[in-house]
Amino acid sequence: MKYKYDKQTDILVIELRRQRPDFAEQSGNIITHYSQDNKPVEIEILDATRTAHDMMKAIRKAQA
């Protein structure tokens, strides 16, 4: 697994496997890329700083 963060665009890319993506689905700021056999290959998190902050807030709220 590899991680790559671009500070200028605030995009975090998580490579799950070394396979070429065939298609992608976007839900909010998260884009998941899949292989031909529907396995996740890569995850892109747009506006990563805010998205991570929002995720942490939701986790803290769920734990309270």
C-alpha atoms as a PDB file:
ATOM      1  CA  MET A   1       0.000   0.000   0.000  1.00  0.00           C
ATOM      2  CA  LYS A   2       1.323   3.438  -0.951  1.00  0.00           C
ATOM      3  CA  TYR A   3       0.222   6.906   0.078  1.00  0.00           C
ATOM      4  CA  LYS A   4       0.767  10.114  -1.852  1.00  0.00           C
ATOM      5  CA  TYR A   5      -0.325  13.583  -0.712  1.00  0.00           C
ATOM      6  CA  ASP A   6      -0.241  16.658  -2.938  1.00  0.00           C
ATOM      7  CA  LYS A   7      -0.163  19.704  -0.674  1.00  0.00           C
ATOM      8  CA  GLN A   8      -0.874  22.118  -3.541  1.00  0.00           C
ATOM      9  CA  THR A   9      -4.140  20.417  -4.577  1.00  0.00           C
ATOM     10  CA  ASP A  10      -4.906  18.942  -1.110  1.00  0.00           C
ATOM     11  CA  ILE A  11      -5.501  15.471  -2.575  1.00  0.00           C
ATOM     12  CA  LEU A  12      -4.542  12.241  -0.814  1.00  0.00           C
ATOM     13  CA  VAL A  13      -4.143   9.146  -3.002  1.00  0.00           C
ATOM     14  CA  ILE A  14      -4.010   5.698  -1.394  1.00  0.00           C
ATOM     15  CA  GLU A  15      -2.847   2.927  -3.709  1.00  0.00           C
ATOM     16  CA  LEU A  16      -4.273  -0.367  -2.466  1.00  0.00           C
ATOM     17  CA  ARG A  17      -2.813  -2.625  -5.150  1.00  0.00           C
ATOM     18  CA  ARG A  18      -0.631  -2.292  -8.201  1.00  0.00           C
ATOM     19  CA  GLN A  19      -3.344  -2.755 -10.784  1.00  0.00           C
ATOM     20  CA  ARG A  20      -4.682  -0.505 -13.483  1.00  0.00           C
ATOM     21  CA  PRO A  21      -8.087   0.963 -12.574  1.00  0.00           C
ATOM     22  CA  ASP A  22     -10.943   0.219 -14.957  1.00  0.00           C
ATOM     23  CA  PHE A  23     -13.615   2.535 -13.538  1.00  0.00           C
ATOM     24  CA  ALA A  24     -14.311   4.796 -10.568  1.00  0.00           C
ATOM     25  CA  GLU A  25     -17.181   5.828  -8.334  1.00  0.00           C
ATOM     26  CA  GLN A  26     -17.367   9.095  -6.414  1.00  0.00           C
ATOM     27  CA  SER A  27     -19.173   9.684  -3.152  1.00  0.00           C
ATOM     28  CA  GLY A  28     -18.701  13.215  -1.868  1.00  0.00           C
ATOM     29  CA  ASN A  29     -14.976  13.951  -1.695  1.00  0.00           C
ATOM     30  CA  ILE A  30     -13.937  10.309  -2.015  1.00  0.00           C
ATOM     31  CA  ILE A  31     -13.272   8.622  -5.351  1.00  0.00           C
ATOM     32  CA  THR A  32     -12.731   4.867  -5.337  1.00  0.00           C
ATOM     33  CA  HIS A  33     -11.083   3.338  -8.409  1.00  0.00           C
ATOM     34  CA  TYR A  34     -11.816  -0.322  -9.202  1.00  0.00           C
ATOM     35  CA  SER A  35     -10.241  -3.033 -11.334  1.00  0.00           C
ATOM     36  CA  GLN A  36     -12.166  -4.924 -14.019  1.00  0.00           C
ATOM     37  CA  ASP A  37     -13.088  -7.554 -11.430  1.00  0.00           C
ATOM     38  CA  ASN A  38     -14.614  -4.864  -9.130  1.00  0.00           C
ATOM     39  CA  LYS A  39     -11.797  -4.844  -6.557  1.00  0.00           C
ATOM     40  CA  PRO A  40     -10.710  -1.480  -5.117  1.00  0.00           C
ATOM     41  CA  VAL A  41      -7.374  -0.396  -6.558  1.00  0.00           C
ATOM     42  CA  GLU A  42      -6.998   3.205  -5.423  1.00  0.00           C
ATOM     43  CA  ILE A  43      -8.772   5.749  -3.224  1.00  0.00           C
ATOM     44  CA  GLU A  44      -8.556   9.499  -3.850  1.00  0.00           C
ATOM     45  CA  ILE A  45      -9.588  11.907  -1.125  1.00  0.00           C
ATOM     46  CA  LEU A  46     -10.303  15.386  -2.444  1.00  0.00           C
ATOM     47  CA  ASP A  47     -10.038  18.376  -0.102  1.00  0.00           C
ATOM     48  CA  ALA A  48      -8.172  15.920   2.127  1.00  0.00           C
ATOM     49  CA  THR A  49      -7.508  18.257   5.052  1.00  0.00           C
ATOM     50  CA  ARG A  50     -11.161  19.134   5.574  1.00  0.00           C
ATOM     51  CA  THR A  51     -12.373  15.612   4.769  1.00  0.00           C
ATOM     52  CA  ALA A  52     -10.018  14.080   7.374  1.00  0.00           C
ATOM     53  CA  HIS A  53     -11.063  16.689   9.929  1.00  0.00           C
ATOM     54  CA  ASP A  54     -14.758  15.962   9.292  1.00  0.00           C
ATOM     55  CA  MET A  55     -14.142  12.219   9.597  1.00  0.00           C
ATOM     56  CA  MET A  56     -12.366  12.663  12.931  1.00  0.00           C
ATOM     57  CA  LYS A  57     -15.251  14.792  14.240  1.00  0.00           C
ATOM     58  CA  ALA A  58     -17.733  12.074  13.278  1.00  0.00           C
ATOM     59  CA  ILE A  59     -15.603   9.390  14.994  1.00  0.00           C
ATOM     60  CA  ARG A  60     -15.318  11.449  18.191  1.00  0.00           C
ATOM     61  CA  LYS A  61     -19.058  12.102  18.183  1.00  0.00           C
ATOM     62  CA  ALA A  62     -19.813   8.379  17.734  1.00  0.00           C
ATOM     63  CA  GLN A  63     -17.522   7.501  20.649  1.00  0.00           C
ATOM     64  CA  ALA A  64     -19.151  10.012  23.018  1.00  0.00           C
END
